[in-house]
Amino acid sequence: MGTHAHKKNAPRSVAIAILTISTTRSLETDESGRWIENQAVEAGHVVTCRHIVPDDAARIAAALSAVIRDHHPQVLVLTGGTGVTPEDVTIEAVRPMMDKELTAFSPLFAHLSYTEIGSAAMLSRAAAGIIAGTAVFCLPGSLNACRLACNALIFPELGHLAHHVSKK
């Protein structure tokens, strides 16, 4: 079955959860998380929760597990903590939890980022994978990076991805 047939059979609406990783942002000042939420709702998806989690690997892992357990999202988007500073520990917290990694996401995102911001794109460690039947995306915290990843890669495949991930 081709991609078009798969997408035709994919759900039009999926359950999405959003975690912003930051010690400086609040729900009110979190532009990236708010934008993701608004775009998801506008596209007909259901946002099951949106939380702020401090830049701490143990707290990120615990929050991710709790969101999957308590809210059952088909897709979970984390924004923030994917850079190279010592405080950026999202990838270190999330990658060991992945049952499968979506290995094409990172190079695709890096390529798209490079066309927009040049060589600074190499500083991002965006990643994606599957954890306990939920597709998980780890994005940079910048609004432009979230827009790029969501519009070019994530949102066009939400239903298709959720359909495959939910198969038992």
N, C-alpha and C. Protein backbone atom coordinates (compact mmCIF):
# COMPACT_ATOMS: atom_id res chain seq x y z
N MET A 1 0.85 -1.17 0.00
CA MET A 1 0.00 0.00 0.00
C MET A 1 0.90 1.24 0.00
N GLY A 2 0.60 2.21 -0.85
CA GLY A 2 1.40 3.42 -0.96
C GLY A 2 1.09 4.44 0.13
N THR A 3 1.90 5.47 0.17
CA THR A 3 1.76 6.52 1.17
C THR A 3 0.39 7.19 1.10
N HIS A 4 -0.09 7.44 -0.11
CA HIS A 4 -1.39 8.11 -0.26
C HIS A 4 -2.52 7.26 0.31
N ALA A 5 -2.46 5.95 0.07
CA ALA A 5 -3.50 5.05 0.61
C ALA A 5 -3.42 5.00 2.13
N HIS A 6 -2.20 4.96 2.68
CA HIS A 6 -2.03 4.96 4.13
C HIS A 6 -2.62 6.24 4.74
N LYS A 7 -2.31 7.38 4.13
CA LYS A 7 -2.80 8.65 4.65
C LYS A 7 -4.32 8.74 4.54
N LYS A 8 -4.88 8.15 3.49
CA LYS A 8 -6.33 8.16 3.30
C LYS A 8 -7.03 7.44 4.46
N ASN A 9 -6.41 6.39 4.97
CA ASN A 9 -6.99 5.60 6.05
C ASN A 9 -6.59 6.10 7.44
N ALA A 10 -5.78 7.14 7.50
CA ALA A 10 -5.29 7.66 8.78
C ALA A 10 -6.35 8.51 9.46
N PRO A 11 -6.33 8.56 10.78
CA PRO A 11 -7.28 9.42 11.49
C PRO A 11 -7.05 10.89 11.16
N ARG A 12 -8.12 11.65 11.09
CA ARG A 12 -8.04 13.09 10.79
C ARG A 12 -7.71 13.90 12.04
N SER A 13 -8.00 13.33 13.20
CA SER A 13 -7.75 14.01 14.46
C SER A 13 -6.99 13.07 15.39
N VAL A 14 -5.95 13.59 16.01
CA VAL A 14 -5.17 12.79 16.95
C VAL A 14 -5.08 13.52 18.29
N ALA A 15 -4.77 12.78 19.32
CA ALA A 15 -4.57 13.35 20.65
C ALA A 15 -3.11 13.73 20.81
N ILE A 16 -2.88 15.01 21.14
CA ILE A 16 -1.53 15.54 21.24
C ILE A 16 -1.30 16.11 22.65
N ALA A 17 -0.14 15.83 23.21
CA ALA A 17 0.28 16.45 24.47
C ALA A 17 1.53 17.28 24.18
N ILE A 18 1.72 18.33 24.96
CA ILE A 18 2.84 19.24 24.75
C ILE A 18 3.56 19.47 26.08
N LEU A 19 4.87 19.27 26.07
CA LEU A 19 5.71 19.57 27.22
C LEU A 19 6.76 20.58 26.80
N THR A 20 6.81 21.71 27.48
CA THR A 20 7.85 22.69 27.24
C THR A 20 8.90 22.51 28.32
N ILE A 21 10.14 22.34 27.90
CA ILE A 21 11.24 22.12 28.82
C ILE A 21 11.95 23.45 29.03
N SER A 22 11.79 24.01 30.23
CA SER A 22 12.35 25.32 30.50
C SER A 22 12.30 25.64 31.99
N THR A 23 13.33 26.30 32.47
CA THR A 23 13.30 26.81 33.84
C THR A 23 12.93 28.28 33.87
N THR A 24 12.76 28.89 32.70
CA THR A 24 12.47 30.33 32.65
C THR A 24 11.09 30.65 32.10
N ARG A 25 10.45 29.73 31.42
CA ARG A 25 9.14 30.00 30.81
C ARG A 25 8.01 29.54 31.71
N SER A 26 6.87 30.20 31.55
CA SER A 26 5.63 29.78 32.19
C SER A 26 4.64 29.48 31.07
N LEU A 27 3.48 28.96 31.40
CA LEU A 27 2.47 28.73 30.37
C LEU A 27 2.11 30.02 29.65
N GLU A 28 2.15 31.13 30.38
CA GLU A 28 1.80 32.42 29.78
C GLU A 28 2.88 32.94 28.85
N THR A 29 4.15 32.66 29.13
CA THR A 29 5.25 33.20 28.32
C THR A 29 5.81 32.19 27.32
N ASP A 30 5.23 31.03 27.27
CA ASP A 30 5.71 29.95 26.39
C ASP A 30 5.11 30.09 24.99
N GLU A 31 5.76 30.88 24.16
CA GLU A 31 5.27 31.11 22.79
C GLU A 31 5.24 29.83 21.96
N SER A 32 6.28 29.03 22.06
CA SER A 32 6.37 27.82 21.23
C SER A 32 5.28 26.81 21.58
N GLY A 33 5.12 26.51 22.86
CA GLY A 33 4.08 25.57 23.28
C GLY A 33 2.69 26.07 22.93
N ARG A 34 2.47 27.35 23.13
CA ARG A 34 1.15 27.94 22.81
C ARG A 34 0.89 27.86 21.30
N TRP A 35 1.92 28.15 20.49
CA TRP A 35 1.76 28.07 19.04
C TRP A 35 1.43 26.64 18.61
N ILE A 36 2.16 25.66 19.15
CA ILE A 36 1.90 24.25 18.80
C ILE A 36 0.47 23.89 19.18
N GLU A 37 0.05 24.28 20.38
CA GLU A 37 -1.32 23.99 20.82
C GLU A 37 -2.34 24.63 19.88
N ASN A 38 -2.17 25.90 19.58
CA ASN A 38 -3.13 26.59 18.71
C ASN A 38 -3.19 25.98 17.32
N GLN A 39 -2.04 25.65 16.75
CA GLN A 39 -2.01 25.04 15.42
C GLN A 39 -2.67 23.66 15.43
N ALA A 40 -2.40 22.90 16.46
CA ALA A 40 -2.99 21.56 16.55
C ALA A 40 -4.50 21.64 16.63
N VAL A 41 -5.01 22.52 17.49
CA VAL A 41 -6.46 22.68 17.64
C VAL A 41 -7.08 23.19 16.34
N GLU A 42 -6.42 24.15 15.72
CA GLU A 42 -6.91 24.70 14.46
C GLU A 42 -7.00 23.61 13.37
N ALA A 43 -6.09 22.65 13.42
CA ALA A 43 -6.09 21.56 12.44
C ALA A 43 -7.06 20.44 12.81
N GLY A 44 -7.76 20.59 13.94
CA GLY A 44 -8.76 19.60 14.32
C GLY A 44 -8.28 18.52 15.27
N HIS A 45 -7.09 18.69 15.83
CA HIS A 45 -6.58 17.71 16.78
C HIS A 45 -7.00 18.09 18.20
N VAL A 46 -6.84 17.16 19.11
CA VAL A 46 -7.21 17.37 20.51
C VAL A 46 -5.94 17.46 21.34
N VAL A 47 -5.76 18.57 22.03
CA VAL A 47 -4.60 18.72 22.92
C VAL A 47 -5.02 18.22 24.30
N THR A 48 -4.39 17.14 24.73
CA THR A 48 -4.79 16.50 25.99
C THR A 48 -4.19 17.19 27.20
N CYS A 49 -3.01 17.83 27.03
CA CYS A 49 -2.40 18.58 28.12
C CYS A 49 -1.24 19.40 27.58
N ARG A 50 -0.89 20.41 28.34
CA ARG A 50 0.28 21.24 28.03
C ARG A 50 0.89 21.66 29.35
N HIS A 51 2.15 21.28 29.57
CA HIS A 51 2.83 21.55 30.83
C HIS A 51 4.23 22.13 30.59
N ILE A 52 4.74 22.79 31.62
CA ILE A 52 6.12 23.25 31.65
C ILE A 52 6.89 22.32 32.59
N VAL A 53 8.07 21.88 32.16
CA VAL A 53 8.91 20.99 32.96
C VAL A 53 10.31 21.61 33.03
N PRO A 54 10.91 21.69 34.22
CA PRO A 54 12.25 22.26 34.33
C PRO A 54 13.30 21.43 33.59
N ASP A 55 14.41 22.09 33.25
CA ASP A 55 15.54 21.43 32.58
C ASP A 55 16.26 20.49 33.54
N ASP A 56 15.67 19.36 33.79
CA ASP A 56 16.24 18.35 34.69
C ASP A 56 15.86 16.99 34.13
N ALA A 57 16.86 16.17 33.81
CA ALA A 57 16.61 14.90 33.11
C ALA A 57 15.62 14.00 33.85
N ALA A 58 15.76 13.87 35.16
CA ALA A 58 14.85 13.00 35.92
C ALA A 58 13.42 13.54 35.87
N ARG A 59 13.26 14.84 35.99
CA ARG A 59 11.92 15.43 35.96
C ARG A 59 11.31 15.36 34.57
N ILE A 60 12.13 15.49 33.53
CA ILE A 60 11.63 15.35 32.16
C ILE A 60 11.13 13.93 31.94
N ALA A 61 11.93 12.95 32.31
CA ALA A 61 11.54 11.54 32.14
C ALA A 61 10.27 11.22 32.93
N ALA A 62 10.20 11.71 34.16
CA ALA A 62 9.01 11.46 34.98
C ALA A 62 7.77 12.12 34.38
N ALA A 63 7.91 13.35 33.91
CA ALA A 63 6.77 14.06 33.30
C ALA A 63 6.32 13.37 32.03
N LEU A 64 7.26 12.95 31.21
CA LEU A 64 6.92 12.25 29.97
C LEU A 64 6.15 10.97 30.29
N SER A 65 6.66 10.18 31.21
CA SER A 65 5.98 8.93 31.60
C SER A 65 4.58 9.21 32.14
N ALA A 66 4.44 10.23 32.98
CA ALA A 66 3.15 10.56 33.56
C ALA A 66 2.16 11.02 32.50
N VAL A 67 2.61 11.82 31.56
CA VAL A 67 1.71 12.29 30.50
C VAL A 67 1.22 11.12 29.66
N ILE A 68 2.13 10.23 29.27
CA ILE A 68 1.72 9.06 28.48
C ILE A 68 0.76 8.19 29.28
N ARG A 69 1.06 7.96 30.54
CA ARG A 69 0.22 7.11 31.39
C ARG A 69 -1.15 7.74 31.67
N ASP A 70 -1.17 9.03 31.97
CA ASP A 70 -2.40 9.67 32.44
C ASP A 70 -3.26 10.29 31.33
N HIS A 71 -2.63 10.71 30.24
CA HIS A 71 -3.37 11.43 29.19
C HIS A 71 -3.48 10.65 27.88
N HIS A 72 -2.70 9.60 27.72
CA HIS A 72 -2.76 8.71 26.55
C HIS A 72 -2.70 9.44 25.21
N PRO A 73 -1.74 10.35 25.04
CA PRO A 73 -1.66 11.01 23.73
C PRO A 73 -1.13 10.05 22.67
N GLN A 74 -1.53 10.29 21.44
CA GLN A 74 -0.95 9.54 20.33
C GLN A 74 0.38 10.17 19.94
N VAL A 75 0.48 11.47 20.16
CA VAL A 75 1.70 12.22 19.84
C VAL A 75 2.03 13.12 21.03
N LEU A 76 3.30 13.17 21.37
CA LEU A 76 3.78 14.04 22.44
C LEU A 76 4.91 14.90 21.87
N VAL A 77 4.75 16.21 21.96
CA VAL A 77 5.77 17.13 21.46
C VAL A 77 6.44 17.81 22.66
N LEU A 78 7.76 17.69 22.73
CA LEU A 78 8.55 18.39 23.72
C LEU A 78 9.27 19.51 23.00
N THR A 79 9.25 20.70 23.56
CA THR A 79 9.97 21.82 22.97
C THR A 79 10.92 22.40 24.00
N GLY A 80 12.18 22.50 23.62
CA GLY A 80 13.19 23.05 24.52
C GLY A 80 14.16 21.99 25.01
N GLY A 81 15.36 22.44 25.36
CA GLY A 81 16.36 21.56 25.95
C GLY A 81 17.09 20.66 24.97
N THR A 82 17.07 21.01 23.67
CA THR A 82 17.72 20.15 22.68
C THR A 82 19.05 20.72 22.19
N GLY A 83 19.52 21.79 22.79
CA GLY A 83 20.76 22.43 22.36
C GLY A 83 21.98 21.77 22.97
N VAL A 84 23.04 22.55 23.08
CA VAL A 84 24.32 21.98 23.50
C VAL A 84 24.83 22.52 24.84
N THR A 85 24.05 23.37 25.51
CA THR A 85 24.51 23.86 26.80
C THR A 85 24.39 22.76 27.85
N PRO A 86 25.08 22.88 28.97
CA PRO A 86 24.96 21.86 30.01
C PRO A 86 23.52 21.67 30.51
N GLU A 87 22.70 22.71 30.44
CA GLU A 87 21.31 22.63 30.89
C GLU A 87 20.41 21.86 29.92
N ASP A 88 20.84 21.71 28.67
CA ASP A 88 20.03 21.06 27.64
C ASP A 88 20.12 19.55 27.77
N VAL A 89 19.14 18.96 28.47
CA VAL A 89 19.19 17.52 28.77
C VAL A 89 17.95 16.76 28.27
N THR A 90 17.16 17.38 27.42
CA THR A 90 15.96 16.70 26.92
C THR A 90 16.31 15.40 26.21
N ILE A 91 17.28 15.44 25.33
CA ILE A 91 17.63 14.24 24.56
C ILE A 91 18.18 13.15 25.49
N GLU A 92 19.00 13.55 26.46
CA GLU A 92 19.54 12.56 27.41
C GLU A 92 18.43 11.92 28.23
N ALA A 93 17.37 12.65 28.51
CA ALA A 93 16.25 12.11 29.29
C ALA A 93 15.34 11.22 28.44
N VAL A 94 15.13 11.61 27.20
CA VAL A 94 14.12 10.96 26.37
C VAL A 94 14.66 9.78 25.57
N ARG A 95 15.82 9.92 24.97
CA ARG A 95 16.32 8.87 24.07
C ARG A 95 16.39 7.48 24.74
N PRO A 96 16.85 7.34 25.98
CA PRO A 96 16.88 6.00 26.59
C PRO A 96 15.49 5.38 26.78
N MET A 97 14.45 6.20 26.75
CA MET A 97 13.08 5.70 26.93
C MET A 97 12.48 5.20 25.62
N MET A 98 13.10 5.53 24.49
CA MET A 98 12.52 5.20 23.18
C MET A 98 12.55 3.71 22.90
N ASP A 99 11.40 3.19 22.48
CA ASP A 99 11.32 1.81 22.00
C ASP A 99 11.87 1.73 20.58
N LYS A 100 11.60 2.78 19.81
CA LYS A 100 12.12 2.92 18.45
C LYS A 100 12.44 4.38 18.24
N GLU A 101 13.49 4.64 17.45
CA GLU A 101 13.81 6.01 17.10
C GLU A 101 13.41 6.25 15.65
N LEU A 102 12.83 7.40 15.38
CA LEU A 102 12.51 7.80 14.02
C LEU A 102 13.76 8.48 13.48
N THR A 103 14.68 7.68 12.99
CA THR A 103 16.02 8.16 12.66
C THR A 103 16.05 9.17 11.52
N ALA A 104 15.07 9.22 10.68
CA ALA A 104 15.06 10.19 9.57
C ALA A 104 14.66 11.59 10.03
N PHE A 105 13.99 11.71 11.17
CA PHE A 105 13.51 13.02 11.61
C PHE A 105 14.65 14.01 11.82
N SER A 106 15.66 13.62 12.55
CA SER A 106 16.74 14.55 12.90
C SER A 106 17.46 15.09 11.67
N PRO A 107 17.89 14.23 10.72
CA PRO A 107 18.56 14.79 9.55
C PRO A 107 17.63 15.62 8.66
N LEU A 108 16.37 15.23 8.57
CA LEU A 108 15.42 16.04 7.79
C LEU A 108 15.25 17.42 8.41
N PHE A 109 15.08 17.44 9.74
CA PHE A 109 14.93 18.72 10.42
C PHE A 109 16.21 19.55 10.29
N ALA A 110 17.37 18.92 10.43
CA ALA A 110 18.63 19.64 10.30
C ALA A 110 18.78 20.23 8.90
N HIS A 111 18.39 19.49 7.90
CA HIS A 111 18.47 20.00 6.52
C HIS A 111 17.56 21.21 6.34
N LEU A 112 16.33 21.09 6.80
CA LEU A 112 15.39 22.22 6.68
C LEU A 112 15.90 23.43 7.48
N SER A 113 16.44 23.18 8.66
CA SER A 113 16.98 24.25 9.49
C SER A 113 18.16 24.92 8.80
N TYR A 114 19.00 24.13 8.19
CA TYR A 114 20.18 24.67 7.51
C TYR A 114 19.76 25.64 6.40
N THR A 115 18.69 25.31 5.68
CA THR A 115 18.24 26.20 4.61
C THR A 115 17.72 27.52 5.17
N GLU A 116 17.31 27.53 6.44
CA GLU A 116 16.80 28.76 7.06
C GLU A 116 17.84 29.52 7.86
N ILE A 117 18.68 28.81 8.62
CA ILE A 117 19.59 29.51 9.53
C ILE A 117 21.06 29.22 9.29
N GLY A 118 21.37 28.45 8.27
CA GLY A 118 22.76 28.16 7.96
C GLY A 118 23.40 27.19 8.93
N SER A 119 24.70 27.34 9.10
CA SER A 119 25.47 26.37 9.88
C SER A 119 25.08 26.27 11.34
N ALA A 120 24.37 27.24 11.88
CA ALA A 120 23.90 27.15 13.28
C ALA A 120 22.95 25.97 13.47
N ALA A 121 22.44 25.41 12.40
CA ALA A 121 21.55 24.25 12.49
C ALA A 121 22.23 23.06 13.16
N MET A 122 23.56 23.01 13.09
CA MET A 122 24.25 21.86 13.69
C MET A 122 24.19 21.87 15.21
N LEU A 123 23.76 22.96 15.82
CA LEU A 123 23.67 23.04 17.27
C LEU A 123 22.40 22.40 17.83
N SER A 124 21.46 22.06 16.95
CA SER A 124 20.21 21.44 17.39
C SER A 124 20.37 19.92 17.43
N ARG A 125 19.79 19.33 18.46
CA ARG A 125 19.79 17.87 18.58
C ARG A 125 18.36 17.35 18.57
N ALA A 126 17.53 17.89 17.71
CA ALA A 126 16.14 17.44 17.61
C ALA A 126 16.12 15.94 17.35
N ALA A 127 15.10 15.28 17.91
CA ALA A 127 15.00 13.83 17.77
C ALA A 127 13.53 13.42 17.85
N ALA A 128 13.26 12.20 17.42
CA ALA A 128 11.90 11.67 17.49
C ALA A 128 11.95 10.15 17.64
N GLY A 129 10.90 9.62 18.25
CA GLY A 129 10.83 8.18 18.42
C GLY A 129 9.47 7.76 18.96
N ILE A 130 9.40 6.50 19.31
CA ILE A 130 8.17 5.92 19.84
C ILE A 130 8.44 5.46 21.26
N ILE A 131 7.56 5.88 22.18
CA ILE A 131 7.66 5.46 23.58
C ILE A 131 6.29 4.96 24.00
N ALA A 132 6.21 3.70 24.36
CA ALA A 132 4.96 3.11 24.87
C ALA A 132 3.78 3.42 23.96
N GLY A 133 3.97 3.28 22.65
CA GLY A 133 2.88 3.48 21.70
C GLY A 133 2.55 4.93 21.41
N THR A 134 3.39 5.86 21.84
CA THR A 134 3.20 7.28 21.58
C THR A 134 4.37 7.80 20.75
N ALA A 135 4.07 8.53 19.69
CA ALA A 135 5.11 9.18 18.90
C ALA A 135 5.58 10.41 19.67
N VAL A 136 6.88 10.52 19.88
CA VAL A 136 7.45 11.60 20.69
C VAL A 136 8.44 12.40 19.84
N PHE A 137 8.25 13.72 19.83
CA PHE A 137 9.13 14.62 19.09
C PHE A 137 9.80 15.57 20.07
N CYS A 138 11.11 15.68 19.98
CA CYS A 138 11.88 16.61 20.81
C CYS A 138 12.39 17.72 19.91
N LEU A 139 11.85 18.92 20.11
CA LEU A 139 12.15 20.07 19.25
C LEU A 139 12.90 21.14 20.03
N PRO A 140 13.63 21.98 19.32
CA PRO A 140 14.22 23.14 19.99
C PRO A 140 13.12 24.02 20.57
N GLY A 141 13.51 24.91 21.46
CA GLY A 141 12.53 25.78 22.10
C GLY A 141 12.15 27.00 21.29
N SER A 142 12.89 27.32 20.26
CA SER A 142 12.59 28.54 19.50
C SER A 142 11.29 28.39 18.71
N LEU A 143 10.54 29.46 18.66
CA LEU A 143 9.28 29.47 17.93
C LEU A 143 9.50 29.14 16.46
N ASN A 144 10.52 29.71 15.85
CA ASN A 144 10.77 29.43 14.43
C ASN A 144 11.09 27.96 14.19
N ALA A 145 11.86 27.35 15.08
CA ALA A 145 12.18 25.93 14.93
C ALA A 145 10.93 25.07 15.08
N CYS A 146 10.07 25.42 16.02
CA CYS A 146 8.82 24.66 16.22
C CYS A 146 7.91 24.80 15.00
N ARG A 147 7.80 26.01 14.48
CA ARG A 147 7.00 26.22 13.27
C ARG A 147 7.52 25.37 12.12
N LEU A 148 8.83 25.40 11.92
CA LEU A 148 9.45 24.65 10.83
C LEU A 148 9.18 23.15 10.98
N ALA A 149 9.48 22.61 12.14
CA ALA A 149 9.31 21.17 12.37
C ALA A 149 7.86 20.75 12.25
N CYS A 150 6.98 21.51 12.84
CA CYS A 150 5.55 21.14 12.83
C CYS A 150 4.95 21.27 11.44
N ASN A 151 5.20 22.39 10.77
CA ASN A 151 4.59 22.62 9.45
C ASN A 151 5.17 21.74 8.36
N ALA A 152 6.48 21.53 8.38
CA ALA A 152 7.12 20.80 7.30
C ALA A 152 7.16 19.29 7.52
N LEU A 153 7.22 18.84 8.77
CA LEU A 153 7.43 17.42 9.03
C LEU A 153 6.34 16.77 9.87
N ILE A 154 6.02 17.34 11.01
CA ILE A 154 5.16 16.64 11.98
C ILE A 154 3.69 16.69 11.59
N PHE A 155 3.12 17.88 11.45
CA PHE A 155 1.68 17.97 11.20
C PHE A 155 1.23 17.26 9.92
N PRO A 156 2.00 17.31 8.83
CA PRO A 156 1.55 16.58 7.64
C PRO A 156 1.45 15.07 7.83
N GLU A 157 2.15 14.54 8.82
CA GLU A 157 2.17 13.09 9.03
C GLU A 157 1.48 12.63 10.31
N LEU A 158 0.84 13.54 11.04
CA LEU A 158 0.26 13.17 12.34
C LEU A 158 -0.67 11.96 12.27
N GLY A 159 -1.67 12.03 11.42
CA GLY A 159 -2.62 10.92 11.34
C GLY A 159 -1.97 9.65 10.86
N HIS A 160 -1.14 9.76 9.84
CA HIS A 160 -0.44 8.62 9.27
C HIS A 160 0.43 7.96 10.34
N LEU A 161 1.20 8.77 11.06
CA LEU A 161 2.07 8.26 12.11
C LEU A 161 1.26 7.64 13.25
N ALA A 162 0.23 8.32 13.70
CA ALA A 162 -0.60 7.81 14.79
C ALA A 162 -1.24 6.49 14.41
N HIS A 163 -1.65 6.37 13.16
CA HIS A 163 -2.26 5.12 12.67
C HIS A 163 -1.27 3.95 12.80
N HIS A 164 -0.04 4.17 12.38
CA HIS A 164 0.96 3.09 12.44
C HIS A 164 1.40 2.79 13.86
N VAL A 165 1.59 3.81 14.66
CA VAL A 165 2.05 3.62 16.02
C VAL A 165 1.01 2.90 16.87
N SER A 166 -0.26 3.14 16.59
CA SER A 166 -1.32 2.54 17.40
C SER A 166 -1.64 1.10 17.04
N LYS A 167 -1.07 0.60 15.96
CA LYS A 167 -1.32 -0.80 15.58
C LYS A 167 -0.73 -1.72 16.62
N LYS A 168 -1.47 -2.73 16.96
CA LYS A 168 -1.00 -3.70 17.96
C LYS A 168 -0.79 -5.04 17.33
